[in-house]
Every structure is written in C-alpha cells, then in structure tokens.
C-alpha cells in the first residue's frame, strides 16, 4: 500500500523499539 506501508506490533498500547523476535511476552 505504498513505500511506507508494512506490519507493526503493539504491546499493551505501546510500540516496542525492538524486533518481534526479541520481545519476550508476559502473561
């Protein structure tokens, strides 16, 4: 959908500054 489109993730309302593979989830 354009040069600035792509997937992002948000945890508890915040956009983490690390890769999804490096962000450890808590229950």
ModelCIF file with pLDDT and N, C-alpha, C, O atoms, coordinates in Angstrom:
data_MODEL
#
_entry.id   MODEL 
#
_entity.id                         1 
_entity.type                       polymer 
_entity.pdbx_number_of_molecules   1 
#
_entity_poly.entity_id                      1 
_entity_poly.type                           'polypeptide(L)' 
_entity_poly.nstd_linkage                   no 
_entity_poly.nstd_monomer                   no 
_entity_poly.pdbx_seq_one_letter_code       
;(UNK)(UNK)(UNK)(UNK)(UNK)(UNK)(UNK)(UNK)(UNK)(UNK)(UNK)(UNK)(UNK)(UNK)(UNK)(UNK)
(UNK)(UNK)(UNK)(UNK)(UNK)(UNK)(UNK)(UNK)(UNK)(UNK)(UNK)
;
_entity_poly.pdbx_seq_one_letter_code_can   XXXXXXXXXXXXXXXXXXXXXXXXXXX 
_entity_poly.pdbx_strand_id                 A 
#
loop_
_entity_poly_seq.entity_id 
_entity_poly_seq.num 
_entity_poly_seq.mon_id 
_entity_poly_seq.hetero 
1 1  UNK n 
1 2  UNK n 
1 3  UNK n 
1 4  UNK n 
1 5  UNK n 
1 6  UNK n 
1 7  UNK n 
1 8  UNK n 
1 9  UNK n 
1 10 UNK n 
1 11 UNK n 
1 12 UNK n 
1 13 UNK n 
1 14 UNK n 
1 15 UNK n 
1 16 UNK n 
1 17 UNK n 
1 18 UNK n 
1 19 UNK n 
1 20 UNK n 
1 21 UNK n 
1 22 UNK n 
1 23 UNK n 
1 24 UNK n 
1 25 UNK n 
1 26 UNK n 
1 27 UNK n 
#
_struct_asym.id          A 
_struct_asym.entity_id   1 
#
loop_
_ma_qa_metric.id 
_ma_qa_metric.mode 
_ma_qa_metric.name 
_ma_qa_metric.software_group_id 
_ma_qa_metric.type 
1 global pLDDT . pLDDT 
2 local  pLDDT . pLDDT 
#
_ma_qa_metric_global.metric_id      1 
_ma_qa_metric_global.metric_value   96.33 
_ma_qa_metric_global.model_id       1 
_ma_qa_metric_global.ordinal_id     1 
#
loop_
_ma_qa_metric_local.label_asym_id 
_ma_qa_metric_local.label_comp_id 
_ma_qa_metric_local.label_seq_id 
_ma_qa_metric_local.metric_id 
_ma_qa_metric_local.metric_value 
_ma_qa_metric_local.model_id 
_ma_qa_metric_local.ordinal_id 
A UNK 1  2 97.00 1 1  
A UNK 2  2 97.00 1 2  
A UNK 3  2 97.00 1 3  
A UNK 4  2 96.00 1 4  
A UNK 5  2 97.00 1 5  
A UNK 6  2 97.00 1 6  
A UNK 7  2 98.00 1 7  
A UNK 8  2 97.00 1 8  
A UNK 9  2 98.00 1 9  
A UNK 10 2 97.00 1 10 
A UNK 11 2 98.00 1 11 
A UNK 12 2 98.00 1 12 
A UNK 13 2 97.00 1 13 
A UNK 14 2 96.00 1 14 
A UNK 15 2 96.00 1 15 
A UNK 16 2 95.00 1 16 
A UNK 17 2 92.00 1 17 
A UNK 18 2 94.00 1 18 
A UNK 19 2 95.00 1 19 
A UNK 20 2 96.00 1 20 
A UNK 21 2 97.00 1 21 
A UNK 22 2 97.00 1 22 
A UNK 23 2 97.00 1 23 
A UNK 24 2 97.00 1 24 
A UNK 25 2 97.00 1 25 
A UNK 26 2 95.00 1 26 
A UNK 27 2 93.00 1 27 
#
loop_
_atom_site.group_PDB 
_atom_site.id 
_atom_site.type_symbol 
_atom_site.label_atom_id 
_atom_site.label_alt_id 
_atom_site.label_comp_id 
_atom_site.label_asym_id 
_atom_site.label_entity_id 
_atom_site.label_seq_id 
_atom_site.pdbx_PDB_ins_code 
_atom_site.Cartn_x 
_atom_site.Cartn_y 
_atom_site.Cartn_z 
_atom_site.occupancy 
_atom_site.B_iso_or_equiv 
_atom_site.pdbx_formal_charge 
_atom_site.auth_seq_id 
_atom_site.auth_comp_id 
_atom_site.auth_asym_id 
_atom_site.auth_atom_id 
_atom_site.pdbx_PDB_model_num 
ATOM 1   N N  . UNK A 1 1  ? 0.823  -1.206  0.000  1.00 97.00 ? 1  UNK A N  1 
ATOM 2   C CA . UNK A 1 1  ? 0.000  0.000   0.000  1.00 97.00 ? 1  UNK A CA 1 
ATOM 3   C C  . UNK A 1 1  ? 0.864  1.266   0.000  1.00 97.00 ? 1  UNK A C  1 
ATOM 4   O O  . UNK A 1 1  ? 0.449  2.308   0.506  1.00 97.00 ? 1  UNK A O  1 
ATOM 5   N N  . UNK A 1 2  ? 2.058  1.166   -0.567 1.00 97.00 ? 2  UNK A N  1 
ATOM 6   C CA . UNK A 1 2  ? 2.939  2.329   -0.647 1.00 97.00 ? 2  UNK A CA 1 
ATOM 7   C C  . UNK A 1 2  ? 4.270  2.084   0.032  1.00 97.00 ? 2  UNK A C  1 
ATOM 8   O O  . UNK A 1 2  ? 4.465  1.084   0.724  1.00 97.00 ? 2  UNK A O  1 
ATOM 9   N N  . UNK A 1 3  ? 5.182  3.020   -0.180 1.00 97.00 ? 3  UNK A N  1 
ATOM 10  C CA . UNK A 1 3  ? 6.562  2.882   0.297  1.00 97.00 ? 3  UNK A CA 1 
ATOM 11  C C  . UNK A 1 3  ? 6.676  2.878   1.822  1.00 97.00 ? 3  UNK A C  1 
ATOM 12  O O  . UNK A 1 3  ? 7.690  2.430   2.357  1.00 97.00 ? 3  UNK A O  1 
ATOM 13  N N  . UNK A 1 4  ? 5.661  3.365   2.526  1.00 96.00 ? 4  UNK A N  1 
ATOM 14  C CA . UNK A 1 4  ? 5.742  3.444   3.990  1.00 96.00 ? 4  UNK A CA 1 
ATOM 15  C C  . UNK A 1 4  ? 4.778  2.482   4.669  1.00 96.00 ? 4  UNK A C  1 
ATOM 16  O O  . UNK A 1 4  ? 4.450  2.651   5.844  1.00 96.00 ? 4  UNK A O  1 
ATOM 17  N N  . UNK A 1 5  ? 4.321  1.469   3.929  1.00 97.00 ? 5  UNK A N  1 
ATOM 18  C CA . UNK A 1 5  ? 3.362  0.520   4.498  1.00 97.00 ? 5  UNK A CA 1 
ATOM 19  C C  . UNK A 1 5  ? 4.061  -0.755  4.956  1.00 97.00 ? 5  UNK A C  1 
ATOM 20  O O  . UNK A 1 5  ? 5.107  -1.128  4.425  1.00 97.00 ? 5  UNK A O  1 
ATOM 21  N N  . UNK A 1 6  ? 3.473  -1.415  5.943  1.00 97.00 ? 6  UNK A N  1 
ATOM 22  C CA . UNK A 1 6  ? 4.025  -2.660  6.468  1.00 97.00 ? 6  UNK A CA 1 
ATOM 23  C C  . UNK A 1 6  ? 3.396  -3.017  7.803  1.00 97.00 ? 6  UNK A C  1 
ATOM 24  O O  . UNK A 1 6  ? 2.484  -2.341  8.278  1.00 97.00 ? 6  UNK A O  1 
ATOM 25  N N  . UNK A 1 7  ? 3.896  -4.086  8.398  1.00 98.00 ? 7  UNK A N  1 
ATOM 26  C CA . UNK A 1 7  ? 3.340  -4.594  9.656  1.00 98.00 ? 7  UNK A CA 1 
ATOM 27  C C  . UNK A 1 7  ? 4.106  -4.071  10.862 1.00 98.00 ? 7  UNK A C  1 
ATOM 28  O O  . UNK A 1 7  ? 5.334  -3.988  10.853 1.00 98.00 ? 7  UNK A O  1 
ATOM 29  N N  . UNK A 1 8  ? 3.348  -3.720  11.908 1.00 97.00 ? 8  UNK A N  1 
ATOM 30  C CA . UNK A 1 8  ? 3.917  -3.279  13.186 1.00 97.00 ? 8  UNK A CA 1 
ATOM 31  C C  . UNK A 1 8  ? 3.166  -4.022  14.288 1.00 97.00 ? 8  UNK A C  1 
ATOM 32  O O  . UNK A 1 8  ? 2.049  -4.497  14.083 1.00 97.00 ? 8  UNK A O  1 
ATOM 33  N N  . UNK A 1 9  ? 3.791  -4.114  15.448 1.00 98.00 ? 9  UNK A N  1 
ATOM 34  C CA . UNK A 1 9  ? 3.073  -4.697  16.583 1.00 98.00 ? 9  UNK A CA 1 
ATOM 35  C C  . UNK A 1 9  ? 3.083  -3.733  17.757 1.00 98.00 ? 9  UNK A C  1 
ATOM 36  O O  . UNK A 1 9  ? 3.976  -2.901  17.916 1.00 98.00 ? 9  UNK A O  1 
ATOM 37  N N  . UNK A 1 10 ? 2.037  -3.888  18.578 1.00 97.00 ? 10 UNK A N  1 
ATOM 38  C CA . UNK A 1 10 ? 1.872  -3.035  19.762 1.00 97.00 ? 10 UNK A CA 1 
ATOM 39  C C  . UNK A 1 10 ? 1.622  -3.972  20.948 1.00 97.00 ? 10 UNK A C  1 
ATOM 40  O O  . UNK A 1 10 ? 0.841  -4.917  20.847 1.00 97.00 ? 10 UNK A O  1 
ATOM 41  N N  . UNK A 1 11 ? 2.288  -3.703  22.061 1.00 98.00 ? 11 UNK A N  1 
ATOM 42  C CA . UNK A 1 11 ? 2.106  -4.492  23.281 1.00 98.00 ? 11 UNK A CA 1 
ATOM 43  C C  . UNK A 1 11 ? 1.591  -3.553  24.365 1.00 98.00 ? 11 UNK A C  1 
ATOM 44  O O  . UNK A 1 11 ? 2.237  -2.561  24.705 1.00 98.00 ? 11 UNK A O  1 
ATOM 45  N N  . UNK A 1 12 ? 0.422  -3.881  24.898 1.00 98.00 ? 12 UNK A N  1 
ATOM 46  C CA . UNK A 1 12 ? -0.198 -3.072  25.961 1.00 98.00 ? 12 UNK A CA 1 
ATOM 47  C C  . UNK A 1 12 ? -0.270 -1.597  25.574 1.00 98.00 ? 12 UNK A C  1 
ATOM 48  O O  . UNK A 1 12 ? -0.035 -0.718  26.404 1.00 98.00 ? 12 UNK A O  1 
ATOM 49  N N  . UNK A 1 13 ? -0.595 -1.332  24.314 1.00 97.00 ? 13 UNK A N  1 
ATOM 50  C CA . UNK A 1 13 ? -0.790 0.037   23.850 1.00 97.00 ? 13 UNK A CA 1 
ATOM 51  C C  . UNK A 1 13 ? 0.469  0.764   23.419 1.00 97.00 ? 13 UNK A C  1 
ATOM 52  O O  . UNK A 1 13 ? 0.390  1.909   22.972 1.00 97.00 ? 13 UNK A O  1 
ATOM 53  N N  . UNK A 1 14 ? 1.641  0.126   23.541 1.00 96.00 ? 14 UNK A N  1 
ATOM 54  C CA . UNK A 1 14 ? 2.912  0.761   23.193 1.00 96.00 ? 14 UNK A CA 1 
ATOM 55  C C  . UNK A 1 14 ? 3.568  0.037   22.018 1.00 96.00 ? 14 UNK A C  1 
ATOM 56  O O  . UNK A 1 14 ? 3.442  -1.180  21.881 1.00 96.00 ? 14 UNK A O  1 
ATOM 57  N N  . UNK A 1 15 ? 4.262  0.788   21.182 1.00 96.00 ? 15 UNK A N  1 
ATOM 58  C CA . UNK A 1 15 ? 5.033  0.204   20.076 1.00 96.00 ? 15 UNK A CA 1 
ATOM 59  C C  . UNK A 1 15 ? 6.467  -0.001  20.554 1.00 96.00 ? 15 UNK A C  1 
ATOM 60  O O  . UNK A 1 15 ? 7.211  0.972   20.681 1.00 96.00 ? 15 UNK A O  1 
ATOM 61  N N  . UNK A 1 16 ? 6.877  -1.253  20.823 1.00 95.00 ? 16 UNK A N  1 
ATOM 62  C CA . UNK A 1 16 ? 8.245  -1.502  21.288 1.00 95.00 ? 16 UNK A CA 1 
ATOM 63  C C  . UNK A 1 16 ? 9.282  -1.128  20.228 1.00 95.00 ? 16 UNK A C  1 
ATOM 64  O O  . UNK A 1 16 ? 8.989  -1.130  19.032 1.00 95.00 ? 16 UNK A O  1 
ATOM 65  N N  . UNK A 1 17 ? 10.471 -0.814  20.672 1.00 92.00 ? 17 UNK A N  1 
ATOM 66  C CA . UNK A 1 17 ? 11.534 -0.413  19.744 1.00 92.00 ? 17 UNK A CA 1 
ATOM 67  C C  . UNK A 1 17 ? 12.443 -1.589  19.401 1.00 92.00 ? 17 UNK A C  1 
ATOM 68  O O  . UNK A 1 17 ? 13.564 -1.393  18.931 1.00 92.00 ? 17 UNK A O  1 
ATOM 69  N N  . UNK A 1 18 ? 11.962 -2.814  19.635 1.00 94.00 ? 18 UNK A N  1 
ATOM 70  C CA . UNK A 1 18 ? 12.772 -3.983  19.290 1.00 94.00 ? 18 UNK A CA 1 
ATOM 71  C C  . UNK A 1 18 ? 11.977 -4.929  18.406 1.00 94.00 ? 18 UNK A C  1 
ATOM 72  O O  . UNK A 1 18 ? 10.750 -4.860  18.336 1.00 94.00 ? 18 UNK A O  1 
ATOM 73  N N  . UNK A 1 19 ? 12.689 -5.797  17.744 1.00 95.00 ? 19 UNK A N  1 
ATOM 74  C CA . UNK A 1 19 ? 12.098 -6.793  16.851 1.00 95.00 ? 19 UNK A CA 1 
ATOM 75  C C  . UNK A 1 19 ? 11.115 -7.686  17.604 1.00 95.00 ? 19 UNK A C  1 
ATOM 76  O O  . UNK A 1 19 ? 11.272 -7.940  18.798 1.00 95.00 ? 19 UNK A O  1 
ATOM 77  N N  . UNK A 1 20 ? 10.096 -8.158  16.880 1.00 96.00 ? 20 UNK A N  1 
ATOM 78  C CA . UNK A 1 20 ? 9.118  -9.073  17.469 1.00 96.00 ? 20 UNK A CA 1 
ATOM 79  C C  . UNK A 1 20 ? 9.775  -10.365 17.939 1.00 96.00 ? 20 UNK A C  1 
ATOM 80  O O  . UNK A 1 20 ? 9.262  -11.034 18.836 1.00 96.00 ? 20 UNK A O  1 
ATOM 81  N N  . UNK A 1 21 ? 10.902 -10.716 17.338 1.00 97.00 ? 21 UNK A N  1 
ATOM 82  C CA . UNK A 1 21 ? 11.623 -11.916 17.740 1.00 97.00 ? 21 UNK A CA 1 
ATOM 83  C C  . UNK A 1 21 ? 12.431 -11.730 19.009 1.00 97.00 ? 21 UNK A C  1 
ATOM 84  O O  . UNK A 1 21 ? 12.876 -12.704 19.616 1.00 97.00 ? 21 UNK A O  1 
ATOM 85  N N  . UNK A 1 22 ? 12.622 -10.483 19.412 1.00 97.00 ? 22 UNK A N  1 
ATOM 86  C CA . UNK A 1 22 ? 13.426 -10.178 20.596 1.00 97.00 ? 22 UNK A CA 1 
ATOM 87  C C  . UNK A 1 22 ? 12.571 -9.730  21.783 1.00 97.00 ? 22 UNK A C  1 
ATOM 88  O O  . UNK A 1 22 ? 13.080 -9.611  22.897 1.00 97.00 ? 22 UNK A O  1 
ATOM 89  N N  . UNK A 1 23 ? 11.285 -9.481  21.557 1.00 97.00 ? 23 UNK A N  1 
ATOM 90  C CA . UNK A 1 23 ? 10.406 -9.002  22.631 1.00 97.00 ? 23 UNK A CA 1 
ATOM 91  C C  . UNK A 1 23 ? 9.761  -10.203 23.320 1.00 97.00 ? 23 UNK A C  1 
ATOM 92  O O  . UNK A 1 23 ? 8.965  -10.918 22.711 1.00 97.00 ? 23 UNK A O  1 
ATOM 93  N N  . UNK A 1 24 ? 10.105 -10.422 24.589 1.00 97.00 ? 24 UNK A N  1 
ATOM 94  C CA . UNK A 1 24 ? 9.554  -11.542 25.350 1.00 97.00 ? 24 UNK A CA 1 
ATOM 95  C C  . UNK A 1 24 ? 8.202  -11.148 25.940 1.00 97.00 ? 24 UNK A C  1 
ATOM 96  O O  . UNK A 1 24 ? 8.056  -10.096 26.563 1.00 97.00 ? 24 UNK A O  1 
ATOM 97  N N  . UNK A 1 25 ? 7.226  -12.016 25.729 1.00 97.00 ? 25 UNK A N  1 
ATOM 98  C CA . UNK A 1 25 ? 5.856  -11.770 26.167 1.00 97.00 ? 25 UNK A CA 1 
ATOM 99  C C  . UNK A 1 25 ? 5.672  -12.229 27.606 1.00 97.00 ? 25 UNK A C  1 
ATOM 100 O O  . UNK A 1 25 ? 6.258  -13.224 28.033 1.00 97.00 ? 25 UNK A O  1 
ATOM 101 N N  . UNK A 1 26 ? 4.849  -11.489 28.350 1.00 95.00 ? 26 UNK A N  1 
ATOM 102 C CA . UNK A 1 26 ? 4.475  -11.888 29.699 1.00 95.00 ? 26 UNK A CA 1 
ATOM 103 C C  . UNK A 1 26 ? 2.978  -12.239 29.704 1.00 95.00 ? 26 UNK A C  1 
ATOM 104 O O  . UNK A 1 26 ? 2.204  -11.651 28.949 1.00 95.00 ? 26 UNK A O  1 
ATOM 105 N N  . UNK A 1 27 ? 2.572  -13.185 30.545 1.00 93.00 ? 27 UNK A N  1 
ATOM 106 C CA . UNK A 1 27 ? 1.147  -13.497 30.629 1.00 93.00 ? 27 UNK A CA 1 
ATOM 107 C C  . UNK A 1 27 ? 0.343  -12.220 30.912 1.00 93.00 ? 27 UNK A C  1 
ATOM 108 O O  . UNK A 1 27 ? -0.882 -12.273 31.019 1.00 93.00 ? 27 UNK A O  1 
#
